[in-house]
Every structure is written in structure tokens, then in C-alpha cells.
Amino acid sequence: MTVAVYLSLLALGLLILGGRVPYPILVVVGHLATVLIVYPWYRIAVFRITRGSWMAGYLRFYTVGLGFLAASAAGVPALVEFAGLPVLVAQSSVMAIGALSGYAINRSWTFRDRGRV
């Protein structure tokens, strides 16, 4: 779900703002918006967390997301500028590498059952 939301936001930003806003800024803005949109879904529907602080959980979720943002900030421009890939293809390539690790980190740290720890 995160990939779909993020790539949709990035594609929309590229379509609407295209040449007026540099794509690295759209990558960052898309990331920030995606984290805000998907956190409640992950908390309620994916990991079914019913107790604990939403803010503390969000901060852990965002911390995990910062790793992906760093990968995108480095990887997307490298793939676009040096390999000649389109922005969405470059971003999809970077995201493919981290998708499984993101789930594992969120499962074991961000949304772990703190009552059983």
C-alpha cells in the first residue's frame, strides 16, 4: 500500500509540477505526505495496534521511513542522472530493494506488542 500511495503522489507531483519543481523535492514531499497518510492504516489494519501512544508509534514509523527517504535521496538522482532512468522507474527500483526490510523493521520495532516485551 505504501508503494502505491507514494508512487501515485510522486506521479501526480511530476505531472502537475513537472519542470517547475525539481524532482528531488517532489521525492521528499511525496515521502512526507505518504508517511502521514499510511501510518493510521498500518496501525489499525495491518498490525492491529489498539493501545499505546499514537505519537510514539508515529515517531518510530517515521524513523524507519527516514531510512527509506535517505535511500531515495541518494539512489533516485544517481539512477536518473547517471543511468538515465525516468524518475518513477528509478524510485520504483530503489523501493523494491527496501520493501521487505521495511515490513520486517516495522513489525519487530515500530508496531511490536509492548505488553509482551
N, C-alpha and C. Protein backbone atom coordinates (compact mmCIF):
# COMPACT_ATOMS: atom_id res chain seq x y z
N MET A 1 0.81 -1.19 0.00
CA MET A 1 0.00 0.00 0.00
C MET A 1 0.86 1.26 0.00
N THR A 2 1.91 1.25 0.79
CA THR A 2 2.79 2.42 0.86
C THR A 2 3.36 2.74 -0.51
N VAL A 3 3.80 1.72 -1.21
CA VAL A 3 4.39 1.93 -2.54
C VAL A 3 3.37 2.57 -3.47
N ALA A 4 2.14 2.07 -3.47
CA ALA A 4 1.10 2.59 -4.35
C ALA A 4 0.77 4.05 -4.02
N VAL A 5 0.64 4.36 -2.74
CA VAL A 5 0.33 5.74 -2.33
C VAL A 5 1.48 6.66 -2.73
N TYR A 6 2.70 6.25 -2.39
CA TYR A 6 3.85 7.09 -2.67
C TYR A 6 4.05 7.32 -4.16
N LEU A 7 4.03 6.24 -4.94
CA LEU A 7 4.24 6.40 -6.39
C LEU A 7 3.12 7.20 -7.03
N SER A 8 1.90 7.08 -6.53
CA SER A 8 0.79 7.88 -7.04
C SER A 8 1.01 9.37 -6.75
N LEU A 9 1.42 9.67 -5.52
CA LEU A 9 1.69 11.06 -5.17
C LEU A 9 2.86 11.62 -5.98
N LEU A 10 3.91 10.83 -6.14
CA LEU A 10 5.06 11.28 -6.92
C LEU A 10 4.67 11.50 -8.38
N ALA A 11 3.92 10.57 -8.96
CA ALA A 11 3.49 10.70 -10.35
C ALA A 11 2.61 11.94 -10.52
N LEU A 12 1.71 12.17 -9.58
CA LEU A 12 0.85 13.35 -9.63
C LEU A 12 1.67 14.63 -9.54
N GLY A 13 2.64 14.63 -8.63
CA GLY A 13 3.51 15.80 -8.50
C GLY A 13 4.32 16.05 -9.76
N LEU A 14 4.84 14.99 -10.35
CA LEU A 14 5.61 15.14 -11.59
C LEU A 14 4.71 15.64 -12.72
N LEU A 15 3.49 15.15 -12.77
CA LEU A 15 2.56 15.54 -13.82
C LEU A 15 2.15 17.01 -13.68
N ILE A 16 1.80 17.39 -12.47
CA ILE A 16 1.30 18.76 -12.25
C ILE A 16 2.43 19.78 -12.19
N LEU A 17 3.50 19.45 -11.49
CA LEU A 17 4.57 20.43 -11.24
C LEU A 17 5.79 20.23 -12.13
N GLY A 18 5.81 19.10 -12.84
CA GLY A 18 6.85 18.75 -13.80
C GLY A 18 8.14 19.53 -13.76
N GLY A 19 8.30 20.45 -14.67
CA GLY A 19 9.56 21.18 -14.80
C GLY A 19 9.71 22.35 -13.85
N ARG A 20 8.65 22.69 -13.11
CA ARG A 20 8.73 23.86 -12.22
C ARG A 20 9.34 23.55 -10.86
N VAL A 21 9.24 22.29 -10.43
CA VAL A 21 9.80 21.89 -9.13
C VAL A 21 10.75 20.73 -9.39
N PRO A 22 11.98 20.82 -8.91
CA PRO A 22 12.94 19.73 -9.13
C PRO A 22 12.43 18.41 -8.54
N TYR A 23 12.66 17.33 -9.27
CA TYR A 23 12.15 16.03 -8.82
C TYR A 23 12.65 15.61 -7.45
N PRO A 24 13.89 15.96 -7.03
CA PRO A 24 14.28 15.55 -5.66
C PRO A 24 13.38 16.16 -4.58
N ILE A 25 12.88 17.37 -4.82
CA ILE A 25 11.96 17.98 -3.85
C ILE A 25 10.63 17.22 -3.86
N LEU A 26 10.17 16.81 -5.04
CA LEU A 26 8.94 16.02 -5.12
C LEU A 26 9.10 14.68 -4.43
N VAL A 27 10.29 14.09 -4.50
CA VAL A 27 10.57 12.83 -3.80
C VAL A 27 10.39 13.02 -2.29
N VAL A 28 10.94 14.11 -1.75
CA VAL A 28 10.85 14.38 -0.31
C VAL A 28 9.42 14.69 0.11
N VAL A 29 8.75 15.56 -0.63
CA VAL A 29 7.37 15.93 -0.29
C VAL A 29 6.45 14.71 -0.40
N GLY A 30 6.64 13.91 -1.43
CA GLY A 30 5.84 12.68 -1.57
C GLY A 30 6.05 11.74 -0.41
N HIS A 31 7.30 11.64 0.05
CA HIS A 31 7.61 10.78 1.20
C HIS A 31 6.89 11.28 2.45
N LEU A 32 7.01 12.57 2.73
CA LEU A 32 6.39 13.14 3.93
C LEU A 32 4.87 12.94 3.91
N ALA A 33 4.25 13.19 2.78
CA ALA A 33 2.80 13.02 2.66
C ALA A 33 2.41 11.55 2.83
N THR A 34 3.18 10.66 2.24
CA THR A 34 2.87 9.23 2.32
C THR A 34 2.91 8.73 3.75
N VAL A 35 3.92 9.13 4.50
CA VAL A 35 4.04 8.68 5.90
C VAL A 35 2.82 9.14 6.70
N LEU A 36 2.38 10.36 6.47
CA LEU A 36 1.19 10.85 7.18
C LEU A 36 -0.07 10.08 6.79
N ILE A 37 -0.18 9.73 5.53
CA ILE A 37 -1.37 9.03 5.04
C ILE A 37 -1.41 7.58 5.49
N VAL A 38 -0.30 6.87 5.40
CA VAL A 38 -0.34 5.42 5.62
C VAL A 38 -0.18 4.99 7.08
N TYR A 39 0.34 5.84 7.95
CA TYR A 39 0.53 5.41 9.33
C TYR A 39 -0.75 4.90 9.99
N PRO A 40 -1.87 5.63 9.90
CA PRO A 40 -3.09 5.10 10.54
C PRO A 40 -3.51 3.73 9.98
N TRP A 41 -3.35 3.54 8.69
CA TRP A 41 -3.71 2.25 8.07
C TRP A 41 -2.83 1.13 8.63
N TYR A 42 -1.54 1.38 8.71
CA TYR A 42 -0.64 0.36 9.25
C TYR A 42 -0.98 0.06 10.71
N ARG A 43 -1.23 1.08 11.47
CA ARG A 43 -1.50 0.91 12.89
C ARG A 43 -2.80 0.13 13.13
N ILE A 44 -3.86 0.50 12.42
CA ILE A 44 -5.18 -0.08 12.67
C ILE A 44 -5.40 -1.38 11.91
N ALA A 45 -5.09 -1.39 10.62
CA ALA A 45 -5.47 -2.53 9.77
C ALA A 45 -4.37 -3.57 9.59
N VAL A 46 -3.14 -3.15 9.43
CA VAL A 46 -2.07 -4.11 9.15
C VAL A 46 -1.58 -4.78 10.43
N PHE A 47 -1.19 -3.97 11.40
CA PHE A 47 -0.60 -4.52 12.63
C PHE A 47 -1.59 -4.58 13.80
N ARG A 48 -2.78 -4.03 13.62
CA ARG A 48 -3.88 -4.10 14.60
C ARG A 48 -3.47 -3.69 16.01
N ILE A 49 -2.89 -2.53 16.09
CA ILE A 49 -2.48 -1.98 17.38
C ILE A 49 -3.64 -1.18 17.96
N THR A 50 -4.05 -1.51 19.16
CA THR A 50 -5.20 -0.84 19.78
C THR A 50 -4.82 -0.03 21.01
N ARG A 51 -3.60 -0.21 21.49
CA ARG A 51 -3.21 0.54 22.69
C ARG A 51 -1.86 1.20 22.45
N GLY A 52 -1.48 2.02 23.39
CA GLY A 52 -0.21 2.73 23.26
C GLY A 52 -0.40 4.07 22.57
N SER A 53 0.64 4.84 22.63
CA SER A 53 0.62 6.20 22.11
C SER A 53 0.71 6.23 20.58
N TRP A 54 -0.22 6.96 19.98
CA TRP A 54 -0.17 7.16 18.53
C TRP A 54 1.07 7.95 18.16
N MET A 55 1.41 8.96 18.96
CA MET A 55 2.55 9.82 18.62
C MET A 55 3.86 9.04 18.73
N ALA A 56 4.03 8.27 19.78
CA ALA A 56 5.26 7.48 19.91
C ALA A 56 5.38 6.48 18.76
N GLY A 57 4.26 5.84 18.41
CA GLY A 57 4.26 4.91 17.29
C GLY A 57 4.57 5.61 15.98
N TYR A 58 3.98 6.80 15.79
CA TYR A 58 4.24 7.56 14.58
C TYR A 58 5.72 7.94 14.49
N LEU A 59 6.32 8.36 15.59
CA LEU A 59 7.73 8.74 15.57
C LEU A 59 8.63 7.56 15.22
N ARG A 60 8.31 6.37 15.74
CA ARG A 60 9.07 5.17 15.35
C ARG A 60 8.86 4.86 13.87
N PHE A 61 7.61 4.95 13.41
CA PHE A 61 7.28 4.70 12.00
C PHE A 61 8.04 5.68 11.11
N TYR A 62 8.06 6.96 11.51
CA TYR A 62 8.76 7.97 10.73
C TYR A 62 10.27 7.74 10.74
N THR A 63 10.80 7.27 11.85
CA THR A 63 12.23 6.97 11.93
C THR A 63 12.60 5.90 10.91
N VAL A 64 11.78 4.87 10.81
CA VAL A 64 12.01 3.83 9.80
C VAL A 64 11.93 4.45 8.41
N GLY A 65 10.94 5.31 8.22
CA GLY A 65 10.77 5.98 6.93
C GLY A 65 11.94 6.86 6.54
N LEU A 66 12.62 7.43 7.52
CA LEU A 66 13.78 8.27 7.20
C LEU A 66 14.89 7.48 6.51
N GLY A 67 15.02 6.21 6.87
CA GLY A 67 15.99 5.36 6.17
C GLY A 67 15.65 5.21 4.70
N PHE A 68 14.36 5.06 4.42
CA PHE A 68 13.93 4.95 3.03
C PHE A 68 14.06 6.28 2.30
N LEU A 69 13.80 7.36 3.01
CA LEU A 69 13.99 8.68 2.40
C LEU A 69 15.45 8.90 2.05
N ALA A 70 16.35 8.50 2.92
CA ALA A 70 17.79 8.64 2.64
C ALA A 70 18.18 7.80 1.42
N ALA A 71 17.64 6.59 1.34
CA ALA A 71 17.94 5.74 0.18
C ALA A 71 17.41 6.38 -1.10
N SER A 72 16.23 6.96 -1.04
CA SER A 72 15.65 7.62 -2.21
C SER A 72 16.43 8.88 -2.58
N ALA A 73 16.81 9.66 -1.55
CA ALA A 73 17.54 10.90 -1.81
C ALA A 73 18.89 10.64 -2.48
N ALA A 74 19.49 9.51 -2.19
CA ALA A 74 20.77 9.16 -2.81
C ALA A 74 20.57 8.36 -4.10
N GLY A 75 19.67 7.39 -4.05
CA GLY A 75 19.53 6.46 -5.16
C GLY A 75 18.81 7.00 -6.38
N VAL A 76 17.74 7.76 -6.16
CA VAL A 76 16.96 8.25 -7.30
C VAL A 76 17.78 9.19 -8.18
N PRO A 77 18.42 10.22 -7.63
CA PRO A 77 19.23 11.08 -8.50
C PRO A 77 20.36 10.32 -9.21
N ALA A 78 20.96 9.35 -8.53
CA ALA A 78 22.03 8.58 -9.17
C ALA A 78 21.49 7.81 -10.37
N LEU A 79 20.33 7.17 -10.19
CA LEU A 79 19.75 6.39 -11.29
C LEU A 79 19.22 7.29 -12.41
N VAL A 80 18.71 8.46 -12.05
CA VAL A 80 18.19 9.38 -13.06
C VAL A 80 19.33 10.04 -13.83
N GLU A 81 20.28 10.59 -13.10
CA GLU A 81 21.34 11.38 -13.74
C GLU A 81 22.41 10.53 -14.41
N PHE A 82 22.77 9.42 -13.80
CA PHE A 82 23.88 8.62 -14.34
C PHE A 82 23.43 7.42 -15.18
N ALA A 83 22.30 6.82 -14.80
CA ALA A 83 21.81 5.67 -15.57
C ALA A 83 20.75 6.07 -16.59
N GLY A 84 20.26 7.29 -16.49
CA GLY A 84 19.29 7.78 -17.46
C GLY A 84 17.88 7.24 -17.30
N LEU A 85 17.56 6.70 -16.12
CA LEU A 85 16.22 6.16 -15.90
C LEU A 85 15.22 7.28 -15.65
N PRO A 86 13.96 7.08 -16.05
CA PRO A 86 12.91 8.03 -15.66
C PRO A 86 12.75 8.03 -14.13
N VAL A 87 12.27 9.14 -13.60
CA VAL A 87 12.17 9.30 -12.15
C VAL A 87 11.35 8.17 -11.51
N LEU A 88 10.18 7.86 -12.06
CA LEU A 88 9.34 6.83 -11.45
C LEU A 88 9.98 5.44 -11.51
N VAL A 89 10.69 5.15 -12.57
CA VAL A 89 11.39 3.87 -12.68
C VAL A 89 12.53 3.82 -11.67
N ALA A 90 13.25 4.91 -11.55
CA ALA A 90 14.35 4.98 -10.58
C ALA A 90 13.82 4.81 -9.16
N GLN A 91 12.74 5.52 -8.84
CA GLN A 91 12.17 5.41 -7.50
C GLN A 91 11.64 4.01 -7.23
N SER A 92 11.00 3.41 -8.20
CA SER A 92 10.50 2.03 -8.04
C SER A 92 11.64 1.06 -7.79
N SER A 93 12.75 1.27 -8.46
CA SER A 93 13.92 0.41 -8.28
C SER A 93 14.47 0.53 -6.86
N VAL A 94 14.56 1.75 -6.37
CA VAL A 94 15.06 1.97 -5.01
C VAL A 94 14.10 1.35 -4.00
N MET A 95 12.81 1.52 -4.22
CA MET A 95 11.81 1.00 -3.28
C MET A 95 11.78 -0.53 -3.26
N ALA A 96 12.01 -1.14 -4.38
CA ALA A 96 11.98 -2.61 -4.45
C ALA A 96 13.01 -3.22 -3.53
N ILE A 97 14.12 -2.57 -3.39
CA ILE A 97 15.20 -3.08 -2.54
C ILE A 97 14.80 -3.07 -1.06
N GLY A 98 14.04 -2.07 -0.65
CA GLY A 98 13.75 -1.92 0.77
C GLY A 98 12.39 -2.37 1.26
N ALA A 99 11.52 -2.82 0.37
CA ALA A 99 10.15 -3.13 0.78
C ALA A 99 10.06 -4.20 1.86
N LEU A 100 10.73 -5.31 1.68
CA LEU A 100 10.65 -6.38 2.67
C LEU A 100 11.31 -6.01 3.99
N SER A 101 12.43 -5.32 3.92
CA SER A 101 13.08 -4.92 5.16
C SER A 101 12.22 -3.92 5.93
N GLY A 102 11.51 -3.05 5.23
CA GLY A 102 10.63 -2.10 5.89
C GLY A 102 9.53 -2.79 6.68
N TYR A 103 8.92 -3.80 6.08
CA TYR A 103 7.89 -4.55 6.77
C TYR A 103 8.47 -5.22 8.02
N ALA A 104 9.61 -5.85 7.87
CA ALA A 104 10.24 -6.56 8.99
C ALA A 104 10.59 -5.61 10.13
N ILE A 105 11.14 -4.45 9.80
CA ILE A 105 11.50 -3.48 10.85
C ILE A 105 10.26 -2.94 11.53
N ASN A 106 9.24 -2.60 10.75
CA ASN A 106 8.01 -2.09 11.35
C ASN A 106 7.35 -3.15 12.23
N ARG A 107 7.37 -4.39 11.79
CA ARG A 107 6.75 -5.48 12.56
C ARG A 107 7.49 -5.71 13.89
N SER A 108 8.81 -5.69 13.84
CA SER A 108 9.58 -6.04 15.03
C SER A 108 9.87 -4.86 15.96
N TRP A 109 9.76 -3.63 15.47
CA TRP A 109 10.10 -2.49 16.32
C TRP A 109 8.97 -1.48 16.42
N THR A 110 8.51 -0.96 15.30
CA THR A 110 7.52 0.11 15.32
C THR A 110 6.21 -0.36 15.94
N PHE A 111 5.72 -1.52 15.52
CA PHE A 111 4.40 -1.99 15.94
C PHE A 111 4.45 -3.24 16.80
N ARG A 112 5.56 -3.51 17.45
CA ARG A 112 5.63 -4.72 18.28
C ARG A 112 4.69 -4.57 19.47
N ASP A 113 4.25 -5.67 19.98
CA ASP A 113 3.35 -5.69 21.13
C ASP A 113 4.17 -5.41 22.38
N ARG A 114 4.12 -4.21 22.87
CA ARG A 114 4.94 -3.81 24.01
C ARG A 114 4.45 -4.46 25.31
N GLY A 115 3.24 -4.99 25.31
CA GLY A 115 2.75 -5.67 26.51
C GLY A 115 3.40 -7.00 26.74
N ARG A 116 3.97 -7.59 25.69
CA ARG A 116 4.61 -8.92 25.80
C ARG A 116 6.11 -8.82 25.83
N VAL A 117 6.65 -7.63 25.87
CA VAL A 117 8.12 -7.48 25.86
C VAL A 117 8.66 -7.56 27.26
